[in-house]
N, C-alpha and C. Protein backbone atom coordinates (compact mmCIF):
# COMPACT_ATOMS: atom_id res chain seq x y z
N MET A 1 -2.45 19.04 8.48
CA MET A 1 -1.42 18.70 7.88
C MET A 1 -1.04 18.29 6.21
N GLN A 2 -0.12 19.34 6.55
CA GLN A 2 0.26 19.13 4.91
C GLN A 2 1.09 18.05 3.84
N VAL A 3 0.56 17.49 3.17
CA VAL A 3 0.86 16.29 2.14
C VAL A 3 1.09 15.98 0.94
N ILE A 4 2.85 15.83 1.18
CA ILE A 4 3.29 15.54 -0.74
C ILE A 4 2.74 14.23 -0.86
N VAL A 5 2.92 14.08 -2.03
CA VAL A 5 2.34 12.56 -3.24
C VAL A 5 3.58 12.66 -3.92
N LEU A 6 4.61 11.03 -3.32
CA LEU A 6 5.49 10.79 -3.96
C LEU A 6 4.83 9.79 -4.82
N GLY A 7 4.98 10.71 -6.60
CA GLY A 7 4.16 9.59 -7.57
C GLY A 7 3.20 10.09 -8.23
N ALA A 8 2.99 10.25 -9.68
CA ALA A 8 2.35 11.25 -9.73
C ALA A 8 1.14 9.98 -10.89
N GLY A 9 1.78 9.36 -10.88
CA GLY A 9 0.37 8.16 -12.24
C GLY A 9 -0.16 7.94 -11.25
N GLY A 10 -1.07 6.50 -11.86
CA GLY A 10 -2.62 5.95 -11.10
C GLY A 10 -2.06 5.32 -9.71
N HIS A 11 -1.65 4.94 -9.19
CA HIS A 11 -1.78 4.59 -8.16
C HIS A 11 -1.72 6.39 -7.34
N GLY A 12 -0.91 6.66 -7.73
CA GLY A 12 -0.29 7.94 -6.56
C GLY A 12 -1.86 8.69 -6.74
N GLN A 13 -2.77 8.76 -8.43
CA GLN A 13 -3.93 9.81 -7.79
C GLN A 13 -4.49 8.91 -7.00
N VAL A 14 -4.51 7.60 -7.13
CA VAL A 14 -6.04 6.66 -5.59
C VAL A 14 -5.71 8.04 -4.83
N VAL A 15 -4.12 7.86 -4.30
CA VAL A 15 -4.09 8.36 -2.87
C VAL A 15 -4.50 9.59 -2.88
N ALA A 16 -4.55 10.67 -3.75
CA ALA A 16 -4.56 11.78 -3.79
C ALA A 16 -6.20 11.81 -3.44
N ASP A 17 -7.11 10.93 -4.29
CA ASP A 17 -8.20 10.86 -3.84
C ASP A 17 -8.69 10.80 -2.61
N ILE A 18 -8.34 9.61 -2.17
CA ILE A 18 -8.36 8.97 -0.94
C ILE A 18 -8.28 10.31 0.38
N LEU A 19 -6.91 10.81 -0.10
CA LEU A 19 -6.68 11.96 1.09
C LEU A 19 -7.67 13.37 0.57
N TRP A 20 -7.93 13.30 -0.41
CA TRP A 20 -9.30 14.17 -1.02
C TRP A 20 -10.77 13.76 -0.03
N ARG A 21 -10.74 12.77 0.06
CA ARG A 21 -11.66 12.09 0.80
C ARG A 21 -11.91 12.25 2.49
N MET A 22 -10.68 12.19 2.62
CA MET A 22 -10.75 12.17 3.79
C MET A 22 -10.74 13.59 4.47
N GLN A 23 -10.29 14.34 3.65
CA GLN A 23 -10.93 15.71 4.03
C GLN A 23 -12.31 16.14 4.21
N ALA A 24 -12.86 15.51 3.19
CA ALA A 24 -14.15 16.20 3.35
C ALA A 24 -15.20 15.18 4.58
N ALA A 25 -14.55 14.01 5.08
CA ALA A 25 -14.90 13.43 6.33
C ALA A 25 -14.52 14.02 7.08
N GLY A 26 -14.07 15.38 7.46
CA GLY A 26 -13.45 16.01 8.54
C GLY A 26 -11.65 15.44 9.03
N GLU A 27 -11.23 15.32 8.33
CA GLU A 27 -9.73 14.91 8.80
C GLU A 27 -9.16 16.20 8.17
N ALA A 28 -8.03 16.22 9.44
CA ALA A 28 -7.48 17.41 8.93
C ALA A 28 -6.14 17.00 8.44
N VAL A 29 -6.28 16.60 6.70
CA VAL A 29 -5.19 16.42 5.78
C VAL A 29 -5.39 17.40 4.61
N GLU A 30 -3.87 17.70 4.22
CA GLU A 30 -4.70 18.60 3.21
C GLU A 30 -3.33 18.48 1.90
N PRO A 31 -3.97 17.70 0.65
CA PRO A 31 -2.94 17.65 -0.06
C PRO A 31 -2.21 18.77 -0.95
N ILE A 32 -1.30 18.87 -0.62
CA ILE A 32 -0.58 19.61 -1.28
C ILE A 32 -0.17 20.03 -2.85
N GLY A 33 0.07 18.70 -3.58
CA GLY A 33 1.01 18.48 -4.34
C GLY A 33 1.96 17.01 -4.42
N PHE A 34 2.07 16.64 -6.06
CA PHE A 34 2.92 15.62 -6.44
C PHE A 34 4.52 15.98 -6.53
N LEU A 35 4.89 15.31 -5.88
CA LEU A 35 6.47 15.34 -7.00
C LEU A 35 6.88 13.64 -7.39
N ASP A 36 7.02 13.89 -8.55
CA ASP A 36 7.42 12.40 -9.63
C ASP A 36 8.74 13.31 -10.17
N ASP A 37 9.47 11.80 -11.25
CA ASP A 37 10.66 11.76 -11.22
C ASP A 37 10.95 12.46 -12.65
N ALA A 38 9.65 11.46 -13.60
CA ALA A 38 9.53 11.25 -14.31
C ALA A 38 8.58 12.77 -15.50
N ASP A 39 9.92 13.25 -16.46
CA ASP A 39 9.89 14.24 -17.06
C ASP A 39 8.60 14.40 -17.92
N SER A 40 7.56 13.86 -17.70
CA SER A 40 6.63 14.12 -18.75
C SER A 40 5.61 14.19 -17.55
N TRP A 41 6.15 14.48 -16.18
CA TRP A 41 4.81 14.73 -15.18
C TRP A 41 4.76 16.53 -15.31
N GLN A 42 6.25 16.59 -14.85
CA GLN A 42 6.30 17.87 -14.72
C GLN A 42 5.60 18.83 -15.62
N GLY A 43 5.58 20.11 -14.72
CA GLY A 43 4.27 21.37 -14.64
C GLY A 43 2.85 20.94 -15.09
N GLN A 44 2.57 19.51 -14.77
CA GLN A 44 1.00 19.05 -15.23
C GLN A 44 0.09 19.18 -13.89
N TRP A 45 -1.23 19.27 -13.80
CA TRP A 45 -1.51 19.43 -12.20
C TRP A 45 -2.91 17.25 -12.91
N VAL A 46 -2.90 17.14 -12.07
CA VAL A 46 -3.76 15.44 -11.47
C VAL A 46 -4.56 15.52 -10.43
N SER A 47 -5.49 15.21 -10.75
CA SER A 47 -6.07 15.11 -9.42
C SER A 47 -6.09 16.42 -8.43
N LYS A 48 -6.37 17.45 -9.25
CA LYS A 48 -6.96 18.19 -8.81
C LYS A 48 -5.67 19.37 -7.96
N LEU A 49 -4.52 18.53 -7.96
CA LEU A 49 -3.28 18.86 -7.48
C LEU A 49 -1.77 19.19 -8.68
N PRO A 50 -0.85 19.98 -8.40
CA PRO A 50 -0.08 20.45 -9.16
C PRO A 50 1.10 19.57 -9.02
N VAL A 51 1.91 18.98 -9.95
CA VAL A 51 3.14 18.26 -9.48
C VAL A 51 4.15 18.99 -9.78
N LEU A 52 4.69 19.68 -8.71
CA LEU A 52 5.53 20.52 -7.97
C LEU A 52 6.98 20.05 -8.64
N GLY A 53 7.29 19.20 -8.96
CA GLY A 53 8.96 18.90 -9.13
C GLY A 53 8.90 17.66 -8.41
N LYS A 54 10.35 16.98 -9.04
CA LYS A 54 11.16 15.66 -9.03
C LYS A 54 11.22 15.41 -7.68
N THR A 55 11.42 13.92 -6.43
CA THR A 55 11.68 14.07 -5.54
C THR A 55 13.29 14.52 -5.00
N ALA A 56 14.10 14.89 -5.66
CA ALA A 56 14.77 16.25 -5.30
C ALA A 56 14.37 17.16 -4.90
N ASP A 57 12.83 17.96 -5.13
CA ASP A 57 12.76 19.01 -5.01
C ASP A 57 12.29 19.39 -3.51
N LEU A 58 12.35 17.88 -2.46
CA LEU A 58 11.20 18.01 -1.60
C LEU A 58 11.31 18.67 -0.60
N PHE A 59 13.07 19.90 -0.47
CA PHE A 59 13.14 20.60 0.54
C PHE A 59 12.67 21.45 0.49
N ARG A 60 12.17 22.16 -0.62
CA ARG A 60 11.98 23.21 -1.55
C ARG A 60 10.34 23.78 -1.03
N PHE A 61 9.75 22.58 -0.78
CA PHE A 61 8.35 22.77 -0.09
C PHE A 61 7.77 22.53 1.20
N ALA A 62 7.27 23.88 1.98
CA ALA A 62 6.75 23.17 2.87
C ALA A 62 5.72 21.99 3.19
N HIS A 63 5.18 20.85 4.43
CA HIS A 63 4.67 19.89 3.97
C HIS A 63 5.07 19.43 6.13
N ASP A 64 4.27 18.77 6.15
CA ASP A 64 4.30 18.12 7.42
C ASP A 64 4.66 16.46 7.19
N ALA A 65 3.85 15.54 6.41
CA ALA A 65 3.97 13.73 6.11
C ALA A 65 3.35 13.86 4.45
N LEU A 66 4.52 12.81 4.23
CA LEU A 66 4.72 12.77 2.90
C LEU A 66 3.79 10.71 2.84
N VAL A 67 3.26 10.52 1.42
CA VAL A 67 3.07 9.23 0.90
C VAL A 67 3.84 9.11 0.45
N VAL A 68 4.27 7.41 0.23
CA VAL A 68 4.98 7.44 -0.73
C VAL A 68 4.65 6.50 -1.82
N ALA A 69 3.91 7.12 -3.05
CA ALA A 69 3.08 6.47 -3.78
C ALA A 69 3.40 5.78 -4.99
N ILE A 70 4.50 5.02 -4.75
CA ILE A 70 4.62 3.56 -5.82
C ILE A 70 4.47 2.37 -5.49
N GLY A 71 3.55 1.63 -6.94
CA GLY A 71 2.78 0.72 -6.83
C GLY A 71 4.37 -0.28 -6.31
N ASN A 72 5.41 -0.02 -7.10
CA ASN A 72 6.39 -1.48 -7.27
C ASN A 72 6.62 -1.37 -5.73
N ASN A 73 6.92 -2.89 -5.24
CA ASN A 73 7.30 -3.10 -3.66
C ASN A 73 8.39 -2.25 -3.09
N LEU A 74 9.51 -3.32 -4.16
CA LEU A 74 11.07 -2.84 -4.08
C LEU A 74 11.51 -1.75 -4.32
N THR A 75 10.68 -0.50 -4.84
CA THR A 75 10.94 0.41 -5.47
C THR A 75 10.70 1.21 -4.25
N ARG A 76 9.10 1.21 -3.79
CA ARG A 76 8.99 2.24 -2.69
C ARG A 76 9.63 1.63 -1.49
N GLN A 77 10.17 0.52 -1.61
CA GLN A 77 10.94 -0.29 0.15
C GLN A 77 12.09 1.31 0.02
N ARG A 78 12.76 1.18 -1.66
CA ARG A 78 13.94 1.98 -1.73
C ARG A 78 13.85 3.73 -0.95
N VAL A 79 12.54 3.93 -1.93
CA VAL A 79 12.41 5.23 -1.76
C VAL A 79 12.16 5.64 -0.39
N ALA A 80 11.11 4.63 0.76
CA ALA A 80 10.98 5.54 1.87
C ALA A 80 11.65 5.23 2.50
N GLN A 81 12.32 4.24 2.38
CA GLN A 81 14.16 4.29 3.75
C GLN A 81 15.13 5.32 3.50
N ALA A 82 15.19 5.82 2.51
CA ALA A 82 16.10 7.24 1.72
C ALA A 82 15.15 8.15 2.80
N LEU A 83 13.75 8.22 2.66
CA LEU A 83 13.69 9.22 3.31
C LEU A 83 13.51 9.04 4.46
N GLN A 84 13.20 8.45 5.17
CA GLN A 84 13.39 8.44 6.44
C GLN A 84 14.57 8.58 7.29
N VAL A 85 15.23 7.90 6.50
CA VAL A 85 17.25 8.47 7.19
C VAL A 85 16.85 9.94 7.01
N GLN A 86 16.97 10.54 6.15
CA GLN A 86 16.40 12.16 5.96
C GLN A 86 15.59 12.60 7.07
N GLY A 87 14.54 11.74 8.35
CA GLY A 87 13.99 12.13 8.80
C GLY A 87 12.70 12.30 8.63
N GLU A 88 12.19 12.45 7.08
CA GLU A 88 10.53 12.96 6.83
C GLU A 88 9.87 11.37 7.47
N GLN A 89 8.17 12.36 7.80
CA GLN A 89 7.26 11.77 8.57
C GLN A 89 6.37 10.36 7.38
N PHE A 90 5.45 10.01 7.49
CA PHE A 90 4.75 9.30 6.34
C PHE A 90 3.34 9.16 7.03
N ILE A 91 2.27 9.30 6.53
CA ILE A 91 0.91 9.29 6.81
C ILE A 91 0.24 8.06 6.02
N THR A 92 -0.44 7.88 7.15
CA THR A 92 -1.65 6.37 6.53
C THR A 92 -2.76 7.51 6.26
N VAL A 93 -2.90 6.71 5.00
CA VAL A 93 -3.62 7.15 3.93
C VAL A 93 -5.71 6.36 3.67
N CYS A 94 -6.56 6.00 4.39
CA CYS A 94 -6.82 5.38 4.53
C CYS A 94 -8.81 6.20 4.68
N HIS A 95 -9.49 4.89 3.21
CA HIS A 95 -10.38 5.75 2.45
C HIS A 95 -12.10 5.63 3.62
N PRO A 96 -12.50 6.59 3.32
CA PRO A 96 -13.26 6.66 4.77
C PRO A 96 -13.99 5.36 4.78
N THR A 97 -14.41 4.63 3.83
CA THR A 97 -15.72 3.24 3.47
C THR A 97 -14.89 2.18 3.61
N ALA A 98 -13.54 2.10 4.16
CA ALA A 98 -12.47 1.04 4.78
C ALA A 98 -13.28 0.41 6.22
N VAL A 99 -13.76 -0.57 6.32
CA VAL A 99 -13.94 -1.39 7.62
C VAL A 99 -12.76 -1.45 8.30
N ILE A 100 -12.43 -1.46 9.73
CA ILE A 100 -11.12 -1.59 10.53
C ILE A 100 -11.72 -2.06 11.51
N ALA A 101 -11.47 -2.98 12.43
CA ALA A 101 -11.60 -3.43 13.52
C ALA A 101 -10.87 -2.52 14.57
N PRO A 102 -11.10 -1.89 15.72
CA PRO A 102 -10.68 -1.15 16.59
C PRO A 102 -9.50 -1.17 17.28
N ASP A 103 -9.18 -2.76 17.17
CA ASP A 103 -7.48 -3.15 17.54
C ASP A 103 -6.64 -3.32 16.20
N VAL A 104 -6.98 -3.31 15.22
CA VAL A 104 -6.02 -2.92 14.54
C VAL A 104 -4.83 -2.15 14.27
N SER A 105 -4.06 -2.77 13.92
CA SER A 105 -2.35 -1.62 13.75
C SER A 105 -1.84 -0.88 12.58
N ILE A 106 -1.61 -0.67 12.53
CA ILE A 106 -1.22 0.02 10.67
C ILE A 106 -0.38 0.83 10.71
N GLY A 107 0.61 1.26 10.14
CA GLY A 107 2.30 0.99 9.84
C GLY A 107 1.92 2.60 9.34
N PRO A 108 2.74 3.25 9.70
CA PRO A 108 2.76 4.26 8.60
C PRO A 108 3.47 4.05 7.33
N GLY A 109 2.19 5.34 6.20
CA GLY A 109 2.94 5.42 5.12
C GLY A 109 1.84 3.62 4.60
N THR A 110 1.30 3.47 5.56
CA THR A 110 0.22 2.41 4.57
C THR A 110 -0.98 2.77 4.15
N MET A 111 -1.03 2.83 2.52
CA MET A 111 -2.65 2.62 1.35
C MET A 111 -3.94 1.69 1.52
N ILE A 112 -5.05 2.16 2.52
CA ILE A 112 -6.41 1.11 2.96
C ILE A 112 -7.15 2.15 1.65
N CYS A 113 -7.65 1.25 0.95
CA CYS A 113 -8.21 1.71 -0.23
C CYS A 113 -10.05 1.39 0.12
N ALA A 114 -10.32 2.07 -1.06
CA ALA A 114 -12.38 2.11 -0.65
C ALA A 114 -12.73 0.64 -0.77
N ASN A 115 -13.26 0.36 0.12
CA ASN A 115 -13.53 -1.34 0.91
C ASN A 115 -13.41 -1.93 1.57
N VAL A 116 -11.95 -1.71 1.76
CA VAL A 116 -11.28 -2.87 2.38
C VAL A 116 -11.73 -3.11 3.65
N VAL A 117 -11.86 -3.96 4.05
CA VAL A 117 -12.26 -4.92 5.75
C VAL A 117 -11.06 -5.35 5.76
N ILE A 118 -10.75 -5.15 7.06
CA ILE A 118 -9.53 -5.86 8.26
C ILE A 118 -9.87 -6.05 9.51
N ASN A 119 -10.07 -7.05 9.81
CA ASN A 119 -10.79 -7.40 10.73
C ASN A 119 -9.77 -7.76 12.29
N PRO A 120 -10.36 -8.10 13.61
CA PRO A 120 -9.80 -7.85 14.91
C PRO A 120 -8.31 -8.90 14.24
N GLY A 121 -7.82 -8.27 15.50
CA GLY A 121 -6.23 -9.21 15.76
C GLY A 121 -5.31 -8.43 15.02
N THR A 122 -5.37 -7.58 13.73
CA THR A 122 -4.20 -7.76 12.48
C THR A 122 -4.05 -6.44 12.69
N VAL A 123 -2.09 -6.88 11.89
CA VAL A 123 -1.49 -6.22 11.89
C VAL A 123 -0.28 -5.82 11.20
N ILE A 124 -1.02 -4.44 10.57
CA ILE A 124 -0.22 -3.75 9.44
C ILE A 124 0.85 -3.61 9.54
N GLY A 125 1.74 -3.39 8.38
CA GLY A 125 2.97 -2.96 8.96
C GLY A 125 2.70 -1.87 8.28
N SER A 126 4.30 -1.32 7.71
CA SER A 126 4.09 -0.28 7.13
C SER A 126 4.64 0.34 5.55
N HIS A 127 4.10 1.35 5.10
CA HIS A 127 4.75 1.58 3.14
C HIS A 127 3.76 -0.18 2.61
N ALA A 128 2.36 -0.30 3.18
CA ALA A 128 1.86 -1.70 2.75
C ALA A 128 0.32 -0.63 1.49
N ILE A 129 0.27 -1.24 1.10
CA ILE A 129 -0.72 -1.54 0.00
C ILE A 129 -1.83 -2.08 0.68
N LEU A 130 -3.25 -1.85 0.63
CA LEU A 130 -4.20 -2.91 0.79
C LEU A 130 -5.29 -2.07 -0.06
N ASN A 131 -5.61 -2.76 -1.39
CA ASN A 131 -6.22 -2.36 -2.63
C ASN A 131 -8.01 -2.27 -2.00
N THR A 132 -7.87 -1.54 -3.55
CA THR A 132 -10.19 -1.60 -3.48
C THR A 132 -10.40 -3.12 -2.99
N ALA A 133 -10.86 -2.80 -2.27
CA ALA A 133 -11.77 -3.92 -2.36
C ALA A 133 -11.47 -5.53 -1.58
N CYS A 134 -9.89 -5.34 -0.69
CA CYS A 134 -9.97 -6.63 -0.66
C CYS A 134 -10.11 -6.89 1.11
N THR A 135 -10.34 -7.83 1.29
CA THR A 135 -10.56 -8.15 2.53
C THR A 135 -9.49 -9.01 3.62
N VAL A 136 -8.68 -8.86 4.90
CA VAL A 136 -8.19 -9.31 5.55
C VAL A 136 -8.62 -9.78 6.69
N ASP A 137 -8.47 -10.83 6.76
CA ASP A 137 -8.97 -10.97 8.42
C ASP A 137 -8.50 -11.16 9.61
N HIS A 138 -8.98 -12.01 10.41
CA HIS A 138 -8.78 -11.58 12.08
C HIS A 138 -7.41 -12.58 11.84
N HIS A 139 -6.38 -11.82 12.76
CA HIS A 139 -5.32 -11.86 13.56
C HIS A 139 -4.21 -12.33 11.53
N ASN A 140 -4.01 -11.80 10.89
CA ASN A 140 -3.10 -11.68 9.82
C ASN A 140 -2.18 -11.16 10.45
N ARG A 141 -1.08 -10.96 9.82
CA ARG A 141 0.22 -10.25 9.82
C ARG A 141 0.73 -10.02 8.63
N ILE A 142 0.35 -8.89 8.44
CA ILE A 142 0.95 -8.40 6.81
C ILE A 142 1.87 -7.45 6.98
N GLY A 143 3.06 -8.11 6.09
CA GLY A 143 4.52 -7.10 6.71
C GLY A 143 4.75 -5.96 5.92
N ASP A 144 5.98 -5.22 6.32
CA ASP A 144 6.40 -3.78 5.58
C ASP A 144 5.98 -4.21 3.69
N PHE A 145 5.68 -3.16 3.29
CA PHE A 145 5.69 -3.26 1.95
C PHE A 145 5.12 -4.41 0.85
N VAL A 146 4.15 -4.53 1.66
CA VAL A 146 3.72 -5.52 1.11
C VAL A 146 2.28 -4.83 0.33
N HIS A 147 1.61 -5.17 -0.68
CA HIS A 147 0.62 -5.08 -1.58
C HIS A 147 -0.53 -5.99 -1.94
N ILE A 148 -1.37 -5.89 -1.19
CA ILE A 148 -2.76 -7.03 -1.47
C ILE A 148 -3.32 -6.49 -2.18
N ALA A 149 -3.63 -6.51 -3.38
CA ALA A 149 -4.35 -5.73 -4.48
C ALA A 149 -6.10 -6.47 -4.69
N PRO A 150 -6.21 -5.71 -5.52
CA PRO A 150 -7.75 -5.76 -5.47
C PRO A 150 -8.46 -6.66 -6.19
N GLY A 151 -9.62 -6.97 -4.67
CA GLY A 151 -10.37 -7.98 -4.75
C GLY A 151 -9.70 -9.04 -4.24
N ALA A 152 -8.52 -9.13 -3.32
CA ALA A 152 -7.87 -10.39 -2.48
C ALA A 152 -8.43 -10.18 -1.42
N HIS A 153 -7.98 -11.76 -0.93
CA HIS A 153 -8.92 -12.17 0.06
C HIS A 153 -7.69 -13.05 1.19
N LEU A 154 -7.82 -12.82 2.47
CA LEU A 154 -7.08 -13.48 3.35
C LEU A 154 -7.59 -13.82 4.51
N GLY A 155 -7.54 -15.48 4.37
CA GLY A 155 -8.03 -15.83 5.73
C GLY A 155 -7.58 -15.41 7.00
N GLY A 156 -8.28 -16.05 7.94
CA GLY A 156 -7.77 -15.80 9.51
C GLY A 156 -6.70 -16.12 9.31
N ASP A 157 -5.28 -15.64 10.24
CA ASP A 157 -4.16 -16.23 11.00
C ASP A 157 -3.14 -16.27 9.88
N VAL A 158 -3.14 -15.98 8.70
CA VAL A 158 -2.32 -15.37 7.60
C VAL A 158 -1.60 -14.34 7.71
N GLN A 159 -0.35 -14.97 6.95
CA GLN A 159 1.37 -14.45 7.50
C GLN A 159 1.81 -14.11 5.94
N VAL A 160 1.83 -12.79 5.08
CA VAL A 160 2.09 -12.30 4.24
C VAL A 160 3.46 -11.52 4.91
N GLY A 161 4.97 -12.13 4.08
CA GLY A 161 6.03 -11.83 4.54
C GLY A 161 6.34 -10.10 3.92
N GLN A 162 7.34 -9.28 4.59
CA GLN A 162 7.65 -8.01 4.06
C GLN A 162 7.99 -7.98 2.70
N GLY A 163 7.12 -7.08 1.76
CA GLY A 163 7.53 -6.92 -0.07
C GLY A 163 6.58 -7.47 -1.28
N SER A 164 6.19 -8.61 -0.67
CA SER A 164 4.99 -9.80 -0.92
C SER A 164 3.76 -9.10 -1.70
N LEU A 165 3.94 -9.42 -2.61
CA LEU A 165 2.52 -9.27 -3.58
C LEU A 165 1.11 -10.08 -3.57
N ILE A 166 0.40 -10.17 -3.24
CA ILE A 166 -1.01 -10.90 -3.43
C ILE A 166 -1.97 -10.58 -4.62
N GLY A 167 -2.07 -11.42 -5.91
CA GLY A 167 -2.38 -10.41 -7.07
C GLY A 167 -3.89 -10.61 -6.90
N ILE A 168 -4.65 -9.97 -8.07
CA ILE A 168 -5.90 -9.57 -8.00
C ILE A 168 -6.60 -10.86 -7.83
N GLY A 169 -7.36 -10.93 -7.36
CA GLY A 169 -8.57 -12.00 -6.69
C GLY A 169 -7.76 -12.89 -6.40
N GLY A 170 -6.28 -13.18 -6.03
CA GLY A 170 -6.13 -14.18 -5.69
C GLY A 170 -6.38 -14.15 -4.00
N ILE A 171 -6.12 -15.47 -3.51
CA ILE A 171 -6.86 -15.68 -2.05
C ILE A 171 -5.67 -16.80 -1.10
N VAL A 172 -5.62 -16.83 0.36
CA VAL A 172 -4.93 -17.21 1.14
C VAL A 172 -5.73 -17.56 1.76
N THR A 173 -6.00 -19.31 2.17
CA THR A 173 -6.40 -19.53 3.11
C THR A 173 -6.22 -19.28 4.40
N PRO A 174 -6.82 -19.91 5.44
CA PRO A 174 -6.65 -19.71 6.92
C PRO A 174 -5.42 -20.23 7.07
N GLN A 175 -4.37 -19.55 7.87
CA GLN A 175 -3.11 -20.07 8.64
C GLN A 175 -2.09 -20.77 7.81
N ARG A 176 -2.10 -19.93 6.09
CA ARG A 176 -1.21 -20.40 5.77
C ARG A 176 -0.26 -18.57 5.88
N GLN A 177 0.96 -19.22 5.07
CA GLN A 177 2.22 -18.60 5.72
C GLN A 177 2.37 -17.94 3.83
N VAL A 178 2.86 -16.57 4.31
CA VAL A 178 3.49 -16.13 2.46
C VAL A 178 5.00 -16.08 2.81
N GLY A 179 5.95 -16.29 2.04
CA GLY A 179 7.00 -15.97 2.59
C GLY A 179 7.23 -14.01 2.08
N SER A 180 8.60 -13.99 2.25
CA SER A 180 8.63 -12.34 2.00
C SER A 180 9.44 -12.32 0.28
N TRP A 181 8.75 -11.45 0.01
CA TRP A 181 9.35 -11.17 -1.77
C TRP A 181 9.07 -11.82 -2.24
N CYS A 182 7.50 -12.56 -1.85
CA CYS A 182 7.05 -13.37 -3.45
C CYS A 182 5.95 -12.22 -3.82
N THR A 183 5.86 -13.22 -5.18
CA THR A 183 4.28 -12.57 -5.96
C THR A 183 2.94 -14.06 -5.91
N VAL A 184 1.97 -13.23 -5.28
CA VAL A 184 0.82 -14.45 -6.02
C VAL A 184 0.24 -14.38 -6.81
N GLY A 185 -0.06 -14.99 -7.52
CA GLY A 185 -0.41 -14.81 -9.12
C GLY A 185 -2.09 -14.20 -8.61
N ALA A 186 -2.26 -13.66 -9.82
CA ALA A 186 -3.77 -12.84 -10.30
C ALA A 186 -4.86 -14.07 -10.54
N GLY A 187 -5.73 -14.78 -9.04
CA GLY A 187 -6.86 -15.67 -9.25
C GLY A 187 -6.31 -16.82 -8.58
N ALA A 188 -5.30 -16.77 -8.15
CA ALA A 188 -4.43 -17.98 -7.54
C ALA A 188 -5.11 -18.28 -5.99
N VAL A 189 -4.96 -19.68 -5.86
CA VAL A 189 -5.77 -20.25 -4.46
C VAL A 189 -4.77 -20.56 -3.82
N VAL A 190 -3.92 -20.47 -2.48
CA VAL A 190 -2.92 -20.27 -2.08
C VAL A 190 -2.93 -21.31 -0.51
N ILE A 191 -3.28 -22.79 -0.84
CA ILE A 191 -3.93 -23.92 0.04
C ILE A 191 -2.25 -24.22 0.86
N GLN A 192 -1.26 -23.79 0.89
CA GLN A 192 -0.09 -24.77 1.48
C GLN A 192 0.99 -23.54 1.56
N ASP A 193 1.96 -23.38 2.68
CA ASP A 193 2.64 -22.53 2.79
C ASP A 193 3.24 -22.04 1.48
N VAL A 194 3.69 -20.60 1.05
CA VAL A 194 4.86 -20.21 0.21
C VAL A 194 5.62 -19.65 0.49
N PRO A 195 7.31 -20.63 0.47
CA PRO A 195 7.98 -19.48 0.86
C PRO A 195 9.25 -18.63 0.10
N ASP A 196 9.73 -17.82 0.84
CA ASP A 196 10.48 -16.42 0.70
C ASP A 196 10.86 -16.63 -0.57
N GLY A 197 10.54 -15.41 -2.02
CA GLY A 197 11.37 -15.03 -2.79
C GLY A 197 10.70 -15.99 -4.48
N VAL A 198 9.80 -16.36 -4.30
CA VAL A 198 8.94 -17.60 -5.30
C VAL A 198 7.61 -16.91 -5.51
N THR A 199 7.66 -17.45 -7.14
CA THR A 199 6.07 -16.47 -7.68
C THR A 199 5.39 -17.85 -8.02
N ALA A 200 3.94 -17.97 -6.91
CA ALA A 200 3.16 -19.23 -7.25
C ALA A 200 1.94 -18.29 -8.07
N VAL A 201 1.02 -19.94 -9.12
CA VAL A 201 0.40 -18.97 -9.70
C VAL A 201 -0.58 -20.61 -9.25
N GLY A 202 -2.23 -20.53 -10.06
CA GLY A 202 -2.72 -21.80 -10.19
C GLY A 202 -3.47 -21.78 -9.39
N VAL A 203 -4.86 -22.44 -8.74
CA VAL A 203 -5.87 -23.02 -8.49
C VAL A 203 -5.52 -24.83 -8.34
N PRO A 204 -5.31 -25.46 -7.52
CA PRO A 204 -4.42 -24.31 -6.24
C PRO A 204 -2.54 -23.58 -6.19
N ALA A 205 -2.46 -22.88 -5.74
CA ALA A 205 -1.34 -22.28 -6.32
C ALA A 205 -0.07 -23.08 -5.97
N ARG A 206 0.49 -23.23 -7.11
CA ARG A 206 2.08 -23.96 -7.24
C ARG A 206 3.06 -22.49 -7.63
N ILE A 207 3.90 -23.31 -7.32
CA ILE A 207 5.59 -22.48 -7.50
C ILE A 207 6.04 -22.37 -8.79
N LEU A 208 5.76 -21.42 -9.28
CA LEU A 208 6.08 -21.36 -10.64
C LEU A 208 7.90 -21.26 -11.16
N LYS A 209 8.37 -19.92 -10.00
CA LYS A 209 9.82 -19.90 -10.08
C LYS A 209 10.23 -19.11 -9.02
N LYS A 210 11.30 -19.34 -8.85
CA LYS A 210 12.22 -18.71 -7.85
C LYS A 210 12.20 -17.35 -8.12
């Protein structure tokens, strides 16, 4: 399977590294290059891959699947949905060191980094990011375009709505709900439900702004 990575920045380079590691572990994936709309990336080689051009050049390159490697949740949503309308296919990228229960459901385009743990009964949406060493306990529901940042931990029966960010080292205690398009700040501890569209910070987490 030939894969193009959209986005050559730091997040895209992590995606490329995971693809190489998947290939080394015996999976039939072949990363062939990046596309990035920034002029500064054009013509460069990054993570052993060429920057082939910009997003508009996608039709020029034979490929089987894409990864939208853009860290901003809203931008990732916009790009992924536009490409889906065009009929593009997306690959789920999963580091070989991740520990994932057999019954976990993971949507296309999602990225699972090194040392992530996902426990039984959990459903992960499409184009989500489960970043380095985060843990998602049993029977979670993680929406599309969510980002669980490095070292964040979610207890059992947690729900995180579409497009939300759980910041680095953040904690969501069991049976709590985080709404859609929220930001939970770095190191925050969520002990009460968080409504849609707000930023929550602190220990315990409190709503800072809408």
